[in-house]
Protein backbone atom coordinates (compact mmCIF):
# COMPACT_ATOMS: atom_id res chain seq x y z
CA MET A 1 -10.22 33.27 41.74
CA HIS A 2 -10.37 33.95 45.50
CA ASP A 3 -7.51 35.81 47.18
CA GLY A 4 -5.98 34.58 50.36
CA PRO A 5 -4.13 31.48 51.55
CA ASP A 6 -6.72 29.12 50.07
CA ALA A 7 -6.91 30.81 46.70
CA HIS A 8 -8.66 28.68 44.09
CA GLU A 9 -10.49 29.05 40.81
CA HIS A 10 -14.08 28.06 40.13
CA VAL A 11 -14.38 25.91 36.99
CA THR A 12 -17.89 26.03 35.63
CA GLU A 13 -19.63 23.32 33.64
CA ALA A 14 -19.47 25.66 30.64
CA ASP A 15 -15.66 25.88 31.03
CA MET A 16 -15.38 22.10 31.22
CA ALA A 17 -17.59 21.66 28.17
CA ALA A 18 -15.56 24.20 26.20
CA SER A 19 -12.33 22.43 27.18
CA ALA A 20 -13.73 19.04 26.19
CA ASN A 21 -14.93 20.43 22.85
CA PHE A 22 -11.50 21.92 22.21
CA ILE A 23 -9.78 18.59 22.91
CA TRP A 24 -12.32 16.72 20.76
CA ALA A 25 -11.82 19.16 17.88
CA GLN A 26 -8.07 18.42 17.83
CA ASP A 27 -8.75 14.82 16.78
CA ASN A 28 -12.04 15.06 14.88
CA VAL A 29 -12.83 16.81 11.61
CA GLU A 30 -16.07 17.21 9.65
CA LEU A 31 -15.91 18.02 5.93
CA THR A 32 -18.57 18.75 3.34
CA THR A 33 -17.40 17.23 0.08
CA VAL A 34 -18.48 16.84 -3.53
CA GLY A 35 -17.52 14.20 -6.08
CA ILE A 36 -18.01 15.16 -9.73
CA ASP A 37 -17.83 12.53 -12.48
CA ILE A 38 -17.53 13.92 -16.02
CA GLY A 39 -17.48 11.19 -18.65
CA SER A 40 -17.90 10.75 -22.37
CA SER A 41 -21.56 9.80 -21.88
CA THR A 42 -22.88 11.13 -18.58
CA SER A 43 -21.98 13.54 -15.78
CA HIS A 44 -23.22 13.68 -12.20
CA LEU A 45 -22.39 14.90 -8.68
CA LEU A 46 -22.55 13.47 -5.17
CA PHE A 47 -22.41 15.60 -2.02
CA ALA A 48 -21.44 14.02 1.28
CA LYS A 49 -20.45 14.80 4.85
CA LEU A 50 -17.25 13.10 5.96
CA TYR A 51 -16.38 12.50 9.61
CA LEU A 52 -12.66 11.97 10.25
CA ARG A 53 -10.73 11.06 13.40
CA ARG A 54 -7.02 11.21 14.04
CA GLN A 55 -5.36 7.81 14.04
CA SER A 56 -4.24 7.07 17.56
CA GLN A 57 -1.61 4.38 17.02
CA GLY A 58 2.04 5.27 16.83
CA LEU A 59 1.53 9.01 17.31
CA SER A 60 0.27 9.17 13.72
CA SER A 61 -0.96 12.51 12.42
CA ARG A 62 -3.16 11.01 9.71
CA PHE A 63 -6.94 11.30 9.88
CA HIS A 64 -9.11 8.31 8.95
CA ILE A 65 -12.73 8.38 7.84
CA ILE A 66 -15.05 6.89 10.46
CA ARG A 67 -18.36 7.74 8.77
CA ARG A 68 -19.79 9.24 5.61
CA ASP A 69 -23.32 10.50 5.13
CA VAL A 70 -24.56 11.13 1.60
CA LEU A 71 -26.23 14.54 1.54
CA PHE A 72 -27.41 14.69 -2.07
CA LYS A 73 -27.18 12.66 -5.29
CA SER A 74 -27.55 14.83 -8.36
CA LYS A 75 -29.51 14.13 -11.48
CA ILE A 76 -27.54 12.38 -14.20
CA CYS A 77 -27.13 14.42 -17.37
CA LEU A 78 -25.79 13.50 -20.77
CA THR A 79 -22.39 15.18 -21.00
CA PRO A 80 -22.89 18.12 -23.41
CA PHE A 81 -20.56 18.08 -26.40
CA LEU A 82 -20.16 20.63 -29.18
CA ASN A 83 -19.96 19.65 -32.85
CA ASP A 84 -16.15 19.78 -32.77
CA GLY A 85 -16.07 17.06 -30.09
CA THR A 86 -15.22 19.35 -27.17
CA ILE A 87 -17.33 19.65 -24.05
CA ASP A 88 -19.82 22.52 -23.91
CA VAL A 89 -18.42 24.01 -20.69
CA GLU A 90 -21.18 26.60 -20.46
CA LYS A 91 -23.90 23.93 -20.40
CA LEU A 92 -21.89 21.72 -18.06
CA GLY A 93 -21.28 24.62 -15.70
CA ALA A 94 -24.98 25.47 -15.69
CA PHE A 95 -25.84 21.85 -14.82
CA ILE A 96 -23.33 21.80 -11.95
CA ASN A 97 -24.62 25.12 -10.60
CA THR A 98 -28.20 23.84 -10.69
CA GLN A 99 -27.22 20.73 -8.72
CA TYR A 100 -25.52 22.88 -6.06
CA GLN A 101 -28.76 24.85 -5.75
CA ASP A 102 -30.89 21.69 -5.56
CA ALA A 103 -28.59 20.38 -2.83
CA GLY A 104 -29.03 23.61 -0.88
CA LEU A 105 -25.29 24.28 -1.02
CA THR A 106 -22.98 26.94 -2.40
CA PRO A 107 -19.33 26.44 -3.42
CA ASP A 108 -18.26 28.31 -0.29
CA MET A 109 -20.02 25.69 1.86
CA VAL A 110 -18.04 22.82 0.29
CA ASP A 111 -14.67 22.11 1.88
CA THR A 112 -13.12 19.90 -0.77
CA GLY A 113 -13.91 17.69 -3.73
CA ALA A 114 -12.74 15.54 -6.59
CA VAL A 115 -13.40 15.93 -10.31
CA ILE A 116 -12.87 12.69 -12.23
CA LEU A 117 -12.57 12.96 -16.02
CA THR A 118 -13.02 9.84 -18.15
CA GLY A 119 -13.43 8.95 -21.81
CA GLU A 120 -13.69 11.95 -24.15
CA ALA A 121 -13.45 14.33 -21.19
CA ILE A 122 -9.76 13.55 -20.65
CA LYS A 123 -8.74 14.94 -24.04
CA ARG A 124 -6.44 17.90 -23.62
CA ARG A 125 -8.82 20.66 -24.78
CA ASN A 126 -11.64 19.33 -22.63
CA ALA A 127 -9.46 18.90 -19.56
CA ALA A 128 -8.16 22.46 -19.92
CA ALA A 129 -11.69 23.84 -20.23
CA ILE A 130 -12.86 21.92 -17.16
CA ASP A 131 -9.85 23.19 -15.20
CA GLU A 132 -11.07 26.71 -15.97
CA LEU A 133 -14.51 25.76 -14.70
CA PHE A 134 -13.09 25.02 -11.25
CA ALA A 135 -10.25 27.56 -11.25
CA SER A 136 -12.06 29.87 -8.82
CA GLN A 137 -12.12 27.06 -6.24
CA GLY A 138 -8.33 27.13 -5.98
CA GLY A 139 -6.79 24.15 -4.20
CA LYS A 140 -10.10 22.70 -3.01
CA PHE A 141 -10.42 20.24 -5.86
CA VAL A 142 -8.40 17.29 -6.99
CA CYS A 143 -8.81 16.96 -10.76
CA ALA A 144 -7.90 13.45 -11.85
CA THR A 145 -7.91 12.22 -15.43
CA ALA A 146 -8.65 8.50 -15.52
CA GLY A 147 -7.13 6.53 -18.37
CA HIS A 148 -8.62 3.17 -19.31
CA LYS A 149 -6.78 1.15 -16.67
CA LEU A 150 -7.31 3.64 -13.87
CA GLU A 151 -11.00 3.95 -14.78
CA ALA A 152 -11.32 0.16 -14.55
CA THR A 153 -9.75 0.26 -11.10
CA LEU A 154 -11.95 3.14 -9.95
CA ALA A 155 -15.07 1.36 -11.16
CA ALA A 156 -14.12 -1.84 -9.34
CA HIS A 157 -13.66 0.05 -6.08
CA GLY A 158 -16.53 2.49 -6.47
CA SER A 159 -19.05 -0.18 -7.40
CA GLY A 160 -18.42 -2.10 -4.21
CA ALA A 161 -16.98 -5.12 -6.05
CA VAL A 162 -13.59 -4.93 -4.30
CA GLU A 163 -15.27 -4.78 -0.90
CA PHE A 164 -17.61 -7.65 -1.88
CA SER A 165 -14.62 -9.77 -2.89
CA ARG A 166 -12.82 -8.97 0.36
CA ARG A 167 -15.87 -9.59 2.52
CA THR A 168 -16.69 -12.94 0.88
CA ALA A 169 -13.04 -14.00 0.39
CA SER A 170 -13.87 -14.76 -3.24
CA CYS A 171 -12.62 -14.19 -6.76
CA VAL A 172 -14.87 -11.75 -8.62
CA LEU A 173 -14.75 -10.54 -12.22
CA HIS A 174 -16.09 -7.00 -12.23
CA VAL A 175 -17.56 -5.61 -15.46
CA ASP A 176 -18.32 -1.91 -15.86
CA VAL A 177 -20.25 -1.21 -19.09
CA GLY A 178 -20.35 2.51 -19.77
CA GLY A 179 -21.28 4.64 -22.73
CA GLY A 180 -18.21 4.01 -24.85
CA THR A 181 -16.17 1.32 -23.13
CA THR A 182 -16.37 -1.80 -20.99
CA LYS A 183 -13.88 -2.17 -18.16
CA LEU A 184 -12.90 -5.51 -16.61
CA ALA A 185 -11.18 -6.09 -13.27
CA LEU A 186 -10.26 -9.49 -11.84
CA ILE A 187 -10.43 -9.23 -8.05
CA ASP A 188 -9.19 -11.88 -5.62
CA ASN A 189 -9.90 -11.49 -1.89
CA GLY A 190 -10.17 -7.73 -2.23
CA PHE A 191 -7.06 -7.25 -4.39
CA ILE A 192 -7.21 -6.33 -8.08
CA ARG A 193 -5.02 -8.75 -10.02
CA SER A 194 -5.59 -7.50 -13.57
CA VAL A 195 -7.63 -4.95 -15.54
CA SER A 196 -8.60 -4.57 -19.19
CA THR A 197 -10.74 -2.27 -21.35
CA PHE A 198 -12.42 -2.66 -24.74
CA ALA A 199 -14.69 -0.45 -26.85
CA VAL A 200 -18.19 -1.81 -26.20
CA GLY A 201 -20.73 0.58 -24.68
CA GLY A 202 -24.30 1.79 -24.56
CA ARG A 203 -23.85 5.05 -26.47
CA LEU A 204 -21.78 3.94 -29.45
CA ILE A 205 -24.92 4.71 -31.45
CA ALA A 206 -27.11 7.52 -30.15
CA GLN A 207 -29.72 10.06 -31.15
CA ASP A 208 -29.23 13.80 -31.36
CA GLU A 209 -31.62 16.41 -29.94
CA ASP A 210 -33.88 16.01 -32.98
CA GLY A 211 -34.16 12.24 -32.53
CA ALA A 212 -31.96 11.33 -35.50
CA TRP A 213 -29.38 8.56 -35.00
CA THR A 214 -26.36 10.73 -35.82
CA ARG A 215 -23.82 9.67 -33.19
CA LEU A 216 -21.90 6.80 -34.71
CA ASP A 217 -18.70 6.07 -32.80
CA GLU A 218 -15.74 4.51 -34.55
CA SER A 219 -16.35 1.27 -32.64
CA ALA A 220 -19.87 1.03 -34.07
CA LEU A 221 -18.46 1.58 -37.56
CA LEU A 222 -15.94 -1.25 -37.01
CA VAL A 223 -18.70 -3.64 -35.93
CA ALA A 224 -20.87 -2.64 -38.89
CA ALA A 225 -17.96 -3.23 -41.27
CA ASP A 226 -17.47 -6.67 -39.71
CA LEU A 227 -21.11 -7.35 -40.61
CA GLY A 228 -20.51 -6.18 -44.18
CA LEU A 229 -22.31 -2.87 -43.63
CA GLU A 230 -21.25 0.72 -44.23
CA LEU A 231 -23.03 2.42 -41.35
CA THR A 232 -24.45 5.90 -42.01
CA PRO A 233 -26.95 8.04 -40.07
CA ILE A 234 -29.62 7.01 -42.57
CA MET A 235 -28.88 3.30 -42.15
CA ALA A 236 -28.77 3.72 -38.36
CA GLN A 237 -32.47 4.65 -38.41
CA SER A 238 -33.20 0.95 -39.06
CA ALA A 239 -33.97 -0.90 -35.82
CA ASP A 240 -32.91 -4.17 -37.46
CA ILE A 241 -29.47 -2.83 -38.37
CA ARG A 242 -28.98 -1.39 -34.87
CA GLN A 243 -30.00 -4.72 -33.34
CA ALA A 244 -27.55 -6.62 -35.54
CA ILE A 245 -24.74 -4.35 -34.33
CA ILE A 246 -25.91 -4.74 -30.72
CA GLU A 247 -25.85 -8.53 -30.97
CA ARG A 248 -22.30 -8.49 -32.34
CA LEU A 249 -21.20 -6.07 -29.58
CA ALA A 250 -22.68 -8.41 -26.97
CA ASP A 251 -20.85 -11.37 -28.52
CA CYS A 252 -17.55 -9.47 -28.28
CA ALA A 253 -18.21 -8.43 -24.68
CA VAL A 254 -19.14 -11.92 -23.49
CA GLY A 255 -16.10 -13.34 -25.24
CA GLN A 256 -13.87 -10.96 -23.27
CA ILE A 257 -15.74 -11.66 -20.02
CA THR A 258 -15.36 -15.43 -20.38
CA GLY A 259 -11.72 -15.24 -21.43
CA SER A 260 -12.10 -16.42 -25.02
CA ALA A 261 -9.32 -15.47 -27.40
CA PRO A 262 -10.51 -12.34 -29.27
CA ASN A 263 -11.16 -12.65 -32.98
CA ASP A 264 -10.13 -9.99 -35.49
CA LEU A 265 -12.99 -7.67 -34.49
CA GLY A 266 -12.28 -8.22 -30.79
CA GLN A 267 -8.65 -7.24 -31.30
CA LYS A 268 -9.71 -4.05 -33.08
CA LEU A 269 -12.00 -3.12 -30.18
CA GLN A 270 -9.31 -3.82 -27.55
CA LEU A 271 -8.09 -0.61 -25.85
CA THR A 272 -5.57 -2.19 -23.45
CA GLY A 273 -3.92 -5.54 -23.12
CA SER A 274 -6.16 -8.55 -22.56
CA LEU A 275 -7.26 -9.45 -19.05
CA ARG A 276 -4.94 -11.89 -17.29
CA LEU A 277 -7.65 -14.37 -16.33
CA ASP A 278 -5.30 -16.67 -14.41
CA MET A 279 -7.95 -17.85 -11.96
CA ALA A 280 -11.63 -18.69 -12.36
CA PRO A 281 -14.07 -16.15 -10.86
CA THR A 282 -16.92 -17.48 -8.74
CA ALA A 283 -19.09 -14.44 -9.48
CA ILE A 284 -19.43 -11.68 -12.08
CA SER A 285 -20.44 -8.22 -10.86
CA PHE A 286 -21.65 -5.34 -13.03
CA SER A 287 -21.72 -1.55 -12.84
CA GLY A 288 -21.99 1.36 -15.26
CA GLY A 289 -24.98 2.79 -17.06
CA VAL A 290 -25.81 -0.50 -18.80
CA ALA A 291 -25.93 -2.23 -15.39
CA GLU A 292 -28.93 -0.06 -14.47
CA TYR A 293 -30.89 -2.00 -17.12
CA LEU A 294 -29.22 -5.32 -16.37
CA PHE A 295 -30.48 -5.20 -12.76
CA SER A 296 -33.82 -3.58 -13.76
CA ARG A 297 -33.20 -0.35 -11.85
CA GLU A 298 -33.90 1.65 -15.03
CA THR A 299 -36.57 1.07 -17.67
CA ASN A 300 -36.60 4.33 -19.64
CA GLU A 301 -34.46 4.73 -22.75
CA PHE A 302 -32.28 7.76 -23.43
CA GLY A 303 -31.80 7.74 -27.18
CA ASP A 304 -29.04 5.12 -27.28
CA ILE A 305 -28.49 1.35 -27.41
CA ALA A 306 -27.84 0.78 -23.68
CA LYS A 307 -31.12 -1.00 -22.89
CA PRO A 308 -31.05 -3.52 -25.78
CA LEU A 309 -27.33 -4.10 -25.15
CA ALA A 310 -28.13 -4.98 -21.52
CA GLU A 311 -30.83 -7.41 -22.69
CA ALA A 312 -28.43 -9.07 -25.13
CA LEU A 313 -25.82 -9.44 -22.37
CA ARG A 314 -28.37 -10.84 -19.93
CA THR A 315 -29.49 -13.47 -22.46
CA ARG A 316 -25.95 -14.65 -23.09
CA LEU A 317 -24.80 -14.61 -19.47
CA SER A 318 -27.89 -16.34 -18.07
CA ILE A 319 -26.73 -19.65 -19.50
CA ARG A 320 -23.24 -19.43 -17.98
CA SER A 321 -22.15 -20.72 -14.58
CA PRO A 322 -20.75 -17.80 -12.50
CA GLU A 323 -23.59 -16.01 -10.74
CA LEU A 324 -24.29 -12.36 -11.57
CA VAL A 325 -23.81 -10.06 -8.59
CA ASP A 326 -25.07 -6.53 -8.04
CA PRO A 327 -22.27 -4.96 -5.94
CA GLY A 328 -24.44 -2.00 -4.95
CA GLN A 329 -23.54 0.84 -7.31
CA GLY A 330 -24.35 1.15 -10.99
CA ILE A 331 -23.88 4.29 -13.04
CA ARG A 332 -22.31 6.12 -10.08
CA ALA A 333 -19.52 3.57 -9.62
CA THR A 334 -16.56 5.41 -11.14
CA VAL A 335 -16.23 7.81 -8.25
CA ILE A 336 -18.51 7.43 -5.24
CA GLY A 337 -16.98 10.03 -3.02
CA ALA A 338 -15.02 13.21 -2.92
CA SER A 339 -11.85 13.92 -0.96
CA GLN A 340 -10.60 13.87 2.52
CA PHE A 341 -7.79 15.95 3.91
CA ALA A 342 -5.13 14.28 6.02
CA VAL A 343 -2.20 16.42 7.11
CA GLN A 344 1.13 14.72 7.73
CA VAL A 345 4.63 16.03 8.24
CA SER A 346 7.86 14.67 6.82
CA GLY A 347 10.79 15.59 9.02
CA LYS A 348 14.54 15.65 9.40
CA THR A 349 15.52 12.70 7.23
CA ILE A 350 14.15 13.98 3.90
CA TYR A 351 15.88 14.61 0.58
CA PHE A 352 15.13 16.97 -2.31
CA SER A 353 17.33 17.67 -5.29
CA ASP A 354 16.36 21.37 -5.26
CA GLU A 355 14.16 23.34 -2.88
CA SER A 356 12.35 24.81 -5.90
CA HIS A 357 10.86 21.36 -6.53
CA LEU A 358 8.83 21.67 -3.33
CA GLN A 359 5.38 23.31 -3.14
CA VAL A 360 3.62 21.08 -5.67
CA HIS A 361 -0.04 20.06 -5.71
CA ASN A 362 -2.25 17.09 -6.55
CA ILE A 363 0.43 14.48 -7.29
CA PRO A 364 -1.26 11.07 -7.75
CA VAL A 365 0.16 8.29 -5.59
CA LYS A 366 1.10 4.85 -6.88
CA HIS A 367 1.29 2.49 -3.93
CA ILE A 368 3.64 -0.52 -4.03
CA PRO A 369 1.80 -3.18 -2.03
CA ASN A 370 4.45 -5.85 -2.50
CA ALA A 371 7.46 -4.05 -1.07
CA PHE A 372 8.09 -6.87 1.41
CA THR A 373 10.92 -6.58 3.88
CA ALA A 374 12.47 -9.79 2.50
CA ARG A 375 13.25 -8.07 -0.80
CA PHE A 376 16.86 -7.09 -0.27
CA ASN A 377 18.02 -7.24 -3.89
CA ALA A 378 17.56 -4.80 -6.77
CA SER A 379 15.79 -7.20 -9.11
CA SER A 380 13.09 -7.95 -6.53
CA TRP A 381 12.48 -4.24 -6.00
CA GLN A 382 12.39 -3.72 -9.77
CA THR A 383 9.75 -6.44 -10.07
CA ALA A 384 7.65 -4.97 -7.25
CA VAL A 385 7.75 -1.44 -8.69
CA LYS A 386 7.01 -2.61 -12.24
CA ALA A 387 4.05 -4.64 -10.97
CA ALA A 388 2.68 -1.53 -9.28
CA LEU A 389 3.16 0.53 -12.45
CA GLN A 390 1.92 -2.01 -15.01
CA ASP A 391 -1.66 -0.73 -14.90
CA ASP A 392 -0.65 2.93 -14.76
CA ASP A 393 -2.01 5.06 -17.63
CA ARG A 394 0.20 8.10 -17.21
CA GLY A 395 3.34 6.79 -18.88
CA VAL A 396 6.19 9.28 -18.92
CA GLY A 397 5.84 12.97 -18.15
CA GLY A 398 4.04 14.64 -15.29
CA CYS A 399 4.70 13.80 -11.66
CA LEU A 400 4.90 10.32 -10.16
CA ALA A 401 4.69 9.49 -6.47
CA LEU A 402 5.75 5.99 -5.37
CA ALA A 403 4.70 5.05 -1.85
CA PHE A 404 5.71 1.95 0.11
CA SER A 405 6.31 0.60 3.60
CA TRP A 406 9.78 -0.08 4.99
CA ARG A 407 10.23 -2.72 7.67
CA ALA A 408 13.82 -3.79 6.98
CA PRO A 409 16.83 -2.57 9.00
CA PRO A 410 18.03 0.80 7.61
CA GLU A 411 21.29 -0.72 6.36
CA TYR A 412 23.11 0.71 3.35
CA ARG A 413 22.94 -2.50 1.30
CA HIS A 414 19.17 -2.73 1.74
CA ILE A 415 18.55 0.91 0.83
CA HIS A 416 20.94 0.71 -2.13
CA ALA A 417 19.09 -2.35 -3.47
CA CYS A 418 15.79 -0.47 -3.16
CA ALA A 419 17.19 2.60 -4.96
CA GLU A 420 18.72 0.51 -7.74
CA GLY A 421 15.49 -1.42 -8.29
CA ILE A 422 13.42 1.77 -8.44
CA LEU A 423 15.82 3.29 -10.97
CA GLN A 424 15.60 0.17 -13.15
CA ALA A 425 11.79 0.20 -13.05
CA VAL A 426 10.87 3.84 -13.66
CA SER A 427 11.50 6.21 -16.52
CA THR A 428 13.78 9.20 -15.99
CA ASN A 429 11.40 11.40 -18.00
CA TYR A 430 9.10 12.44 -15.15
CA GLU A 431 8.79 16.11 -14.31
CA LEU A 432 9.11 15.06 -10.68
CA LEU A 433 9.75 11.69 -9.01
CA LEU A 434 8.44 11.65 -5.46
CA LEU A 435 9.31 8.76 -3.16
CA VAL A 436 7.25 8.38 0.02
CA VAL A 437 8.12 5.81 2.67
CA ASP A 438 6.93 5.33 6.22
CA GLY A 439 10.39 4.37 7.57
CA ASP A 440 13.17 6.89 8.29
CA ILE A 441 15.24 6.33 5.14
CA GLY A 442 14.15 9.26 2.97
CA ARG A 443 17.45 11.13 2.96
CA SER A 444 19.58 8.02 2.42
CA LEU A 445 17.34 6.76 -0.39
CA GLY A 446 17.35 10.12 -2.19
CA PHE A 447 21.11 10.57 -1.75
CA ILE A 448 21.91 7.14 -3.18
CA LEU A 449 19.64 7.68 -6.18
CA ARG A 450 21.10 11.12 -6.92
CA GLU A 451 24.74 10.93 -5.94
CA GLU A 452 25.61 7.27 -6.46
CA LEU A 453 23.20 6.06 -9.17
CA ASN A 454 23.12 9.40 -11.05
CA TYR A 455 19.34 9.88 -11.30
CA ASN A 456 19.19 13.28 -13.05
CA GLY A 457 15.50 14.18 -12.86
CA PRO A 458 13.87 16.33 -10.17
CA LEU A 459 13.64 14.15 -7.06
CA ILE A 460 12.00 14.38 -3.65
CA SER A 461 12.29 11.60 -1.06
CA LEU A 462 10.08 11.91 2.02
CA ASP A 463 9.70 9.60 4.99
CA GLY A 464 7.52 9.19 8.04
CA LEU A 465 4.39 9.22 5.86
CA GLU A 466 1.74 6.59 5.13
CA LEU A 467 0.12 6.89 1.71
CA GLN A 468 -2.18 4.53 -0.16
CA GLN A 469 -3.58 3.98 -3.65
CA PHE A 470 -5.97 6.77 -4.74
CA ASP A 471 -4.19 9.31 -2.54
CA PHE A 472 -3.10 12.68 -3.95
CA VAL A 473 -0.52 14.81 -2.17
CA ASP A 474 0.23 18.51 -1.82
CA ILE A 475 3.76 19.30 -0.63
CA GLY A 476 4.49 22.61 1.08
CA GLY A 477 7.73 24.54 1.41
CA LEU A 478 10.55 23.77 3.82
CA MET A 479 9.71 24.98 7.33
CA GLN A 480 12.68 26.28 9.33
CA PRO A 481 14.13 25.92 11.89
CA ALA A 482 12.31 22.60 12.28
CA GLY A 483 13.46 21.45 8.81
CA VAL A 484 10.18 19.71 8.02
CA VAL A 485 7.89 19.66 5.00
CA PRO A 486 4.09 19.72 5.46
CA VAL A 487 2.15 17.27 3.30
CA ILE A 488 -1.61 17.31 2.73
CA VAL A 489 -3.05 13.98 1.65
CA LYS A 490 -6.30 13.88 -0.34
CA SER A 491 -7.96 10.51 -0.79
CA LEU A 492 -10.73 9.31 -3.06
CA VAL A 493 -13.42 7.78 -0.87
CA PHE A 494 -15.51 4.76 -1.84
CA SER A 495 -18.46 2.96 -0.34
């Protein structure tokens, strides 16, 4: 700065660059992430770098992913189980630590991540043990337990099948054949219409460390009984007996895939309701461990029946009309990403039944895609909410977040119809019911539910936020004097 009447300040190129970098950093974020998939058959990790940019429209404070670079794909290990059926956390932890080292990363270098538990891993004792494994990482990780329906949805997205259906404007039946189950998802123009799961998989019969065929899942025993056999580890040593069971498993799977009415055995293997095959798919896509053999990406065997099961499926499906499609991801389909952070703020027009209900973490979001502005009556809202919840595995208990868009005028009759429909559709047995809407009706919606319709459970109603399926939210405490609540949104990321 020069003194005198023409005082001025010299701005150097370094100052300008620093200023530009500061402005850029306000709207751009880079995160190192890890996705960890722990299933009943296999476990693996994927490290990635996410590049996020603040959404510019409408003064939004949400960050959107603009690019993702995969840094490292781990080896795939057989999930270690103890004799009592629980996961050997010590072995699993050692595997995860080794993969961090192979990736050239330490936990301190990872910003955030997601741990997805499926199959046997979601059982209470296993889930608790895995929570302990990541306890030192604090709030970095979203730990999601995927029931049968959610796992089917995750596989459809993570495999690339949903994107393929959207891109080609087609109806696709996605089939994910894992170690213990097969998941189906009917996808039309990028939207999942129905999901279903049944107990056919590549590790229903498997060898132990000594090479003996000692793993005989209940599903394999049911199939053997249907063949008039009493399956034992000694009988399982026979390749002919294993092949007979494999052929019957393939018959059951193809019957489900083609929409045939299940016979008595098929009904016993069913884990959810049957797929609503109300439109004919033009293509069938596959993912899961068995898909690695189906598309000839894997030739080695790993002491199970996955490879011959894939061959039996290929033989049966080769004579049927819909083409088989490789959507891009096989065994890594269930979760192909980690998490992103997106910070949003819900402001003046919010409602909470008690301030102690705030400051909660990792609440899974159920998005209501059909909350159209024309729905101004309670029954229509009830139908929309029930449709969004029909493939939800959580049932009662825990926390539920319902998210939807609001484009109708904020009139009392419209909001009351919405509140009444929600109350008719959801159970009152949730530990916390969280309503998230992008329009400014949060306080009115919460007040009507609580004071007029007598909803007695813990309730939070936030507005000014945009959430989607596969989001998880952290809610902070009330910030005074502004009277706002900070919300961190964590999203599963797919190809």
